Protein backbone atom coordinates (compact mmCIF):
# COMPACT_ATOMS: atom_id res chain seq x y z
CA UNK A 1 34.60 -11.32 -15.62
CA UNK A 2 35.74 -7.77 -14.81
CA UNK A 3 38.92 -9.22 -13.35
CA UNK A 4 40.13 -10.30 -16.77
CA UNK A 5 41.23 -6.74 -17.44
CA UNK A 6 42.09 -5.54 -13.97
CA UNK A 7 45.28 -3.81 -15.09
CA UNK A 8 44.25 -0.15 -15.18
CA UNK A 9 46.34 1.62 -12.61
CA UNK A 10 45.46 5.13 -11.44
CA UNK A 11 42.05 4.85 -13.07
CA UNK A 12 38.71 4.52 -11.36
CA UNK A 13 37.21 1.37 -12.88
CA UNK A 14 33.46 0.81 -12.82
CA UNK A 15 32.94 4.53 -12.52
CA UNK A 16 29.49 5.74 -11.51
CA UNK A 17 30.09 8.65 -13.92
CA UNK A 18 30.22 6.50 -17.08
CA UNK A 19 27.31 4.40 -18.28
CA UNK A 20 27.91 2.08 -21.22
CA UNK A 21 24.61 1.66 -23.04
CA UNK A 22 25.88 -0.53 -25.87
CA UNK A 23 27.15 -3.16 -26.02
CA UNK A 24 25.27 -4.63 -23.09
CA UNK A 25 26.98 -7.08 -20.75
CA UNK A 26 27.68 -10.35 -22.63
CA UNK A 27 25.87 -9.18 -25.78
CA UNK A 28 26.83 -11.28 -28.81
CA UNK A 29 27.77 -9.89 -32.23
CA UNK A 30 28.05 -11.98 -35.40
CA UNK A 31 30.94 -11.73 -37.84
CA UNK A 32 30.69 -8.52 -39.88
CA UNK A 33 28.03 -6.99 -37.62
CA UNK A 34 28.46 -3.29 -37.02
CA UNK A 35 29.37 -3.04 -33.35
CA UNK A 36 27.74 0.04 -31.87
CA UNK A 37 29.41 1.57 -28.83
CA UNK A 38 27.29 4.07 -26.94
CA UNK A 39 27.94 5.63 -23.57
CA UNK A 40 27.03 8.57 -21.36
CA UNK A 41 29.70 10.37 -19.39
CA UNK A 42 28.58 12.58 -16.52
CA UNK A 43 31.70 14.14 -15.03
CA UNK A 44 31.08 15.02 -11.40
CA UNK A 45 32.38 18.49 -10.47
CA UNK A 46 34.80 18.43 -13.42
CA UNK A 47 34.89 18.82 -17.20
CA UNK A 48 35.78 16.17 -19.74
CA UNK A 49 39.11 16.74 -21.49
CA UNK A 50 39.08 13.67 -23.74
CA UNK A 51 37.96 10.07 -23.82
CA UNK A 52 39.11 6.78 -25.26
CA UNK A 53 37.28 3.64 -26.31
CA UNK A 54 39.34 0.46 -26.37
CA UNK A 55 38.19 -3.05 -27.24
CA UNK A 56 40.52 -5.88 -26.18
CA UNK A 57 40.54 -9.64 -26.31
CA UNK A 58 41.32 -11.86 -23.31
CA UNK A 59 45.05 -11.57 -23.99
CA UNK A 60 44.70 -7.77 -23.84
CA UNK A 61 45.38 -7.41 -27.57
CA UNK A 62 43.73 -4.27 -28.92
CA UNK A 63 40.98 -5.03 -31.43
CA UNK A 64 39.82 -1.44 -31.81
CA UNK A 65 40.85 1.87 -30.25
CA UNK A 66 39.35 5.32 -30.70
CA UNK A 67 40.59 8.55 -29.13
CA UNK A 68 37.87 11.15 -28.88
CA UNK A 69 38.76 14.76 -28.30
CA UNK A 70 36.17 16.96 -26.73
CA UNK A 71 35.28 20.62 -26.50
CA UNK A 72 33.10 19.74 -23.54
CA UNK A 73 33.98 22.33 -20.91
CA UNK A 74 30.98 22.82 -18.68
CA UNK A 75 28.82 20.08 -20.20
CA UNK A 76 27.11 17.94 -17.58
CA UNK A 77 26.37 15.01 -19.92
CA UNK A 78 28.47 13.85 -22.86
CA UNK A 79 27.09 11.29 -25.33
CA UNK A 80 29.63 9.03 -27.02
CA UNK A 81 28.66 7.06 -30.12
CA UNK A 82 31.06 5.13 -32.31
CA UNK A 83 30.86 1.96 -34.35
CA UNK A 84 33.27 -0.44 -35.99
CA UNK A 85 33.26 -3.70 -37.91
CA UNK A 86 35.70 -6.42 -36.94
CA UNK A 87 36.10 -9.60 -39.00
CA UNK A 88 35.74 -12.51 -36.58
CA UNK A 89 37.58 -15.75 -37.30
CA UNK A 90 36.56 -17.52 -34.10
CA UNK A 91 34.22 -16.86 -31.22
CA UNK A 92 35.92 -14.86 -28.50
CA UNK A 93 35.11 -12.96 -25.34
CA UNK A 94 36.16 -9.33 -25.50
CA UNK A 95 35.93 -6.25 -23.31
CA UNK A 96 35.08 -2.66 -24.17
CA UNK A 97 36.65 -0.07 -21.89
CA UNK A 98 35.71 3.59 -21.98
CA UNK A 99 38.00 5.96 -20.13
CA UNK A 100 37.57 9.68 -19.66
CA UNK A 101 40.24 12.13 -18.59
CA UNK A 102 38.87 15.02 -16.54
CA UNK A 103 40.26 18.50 -16.11
CA UNK A 104 41.01 17.77 -12.44
CA UNK A 105 43.57 15.13 -13.52
CA UNK A 106 41.34 12.17 -12.69
CA UNK A 107 40.82 9.33 -15.17
CA UNK A 108 37.60 7.37 -14.85
CA UNK A 109 36.77 4.12 -16.67
CA UNK A 110 33.98 1.66 -17.22
CA UNK A 111 34.22 -1.83 -18.72
CA UNK A 112 31.67 -4.20 -20.23
CA UNK A 113 32.37 -7.70 -21.55
CA UNK A 114 30.75 -8.89 -24.79
CA UNK A 115 31.16 -11.70 -27.31
CA UNK A 116 32.23 -11.78 -30.96
CA UNK A 117 30.85 -14.88 -32.69
CA UNK A 118 32.89 -16.29 -35.57
CA UNK A 119 31.68 -18.04 -38.69
């Protein structure tokens, strides 16, 4: 299912330096559930400049997007935690992508598919 969003150029997808803890792969959320997004970023020989969480549907429409600035210079582990509520009209497969820009110019990303279940 990773291929359904294989459009990130100049980004390292499935980065070993980002671990998405929540949602888990193919986890299902009901309409009006609070969707918790949790991840660990462990920049390797670099510092985190900023990160972005994006949730998209299969057509790549953005459902939710959060830019997260960071005063993280020198931190070896960065914990990200955000949540959102999205009203679901129909069941759909979606993808969360977390990208981190590092001070060496590299952008690393990790993706996890999950499901929003409509009424």
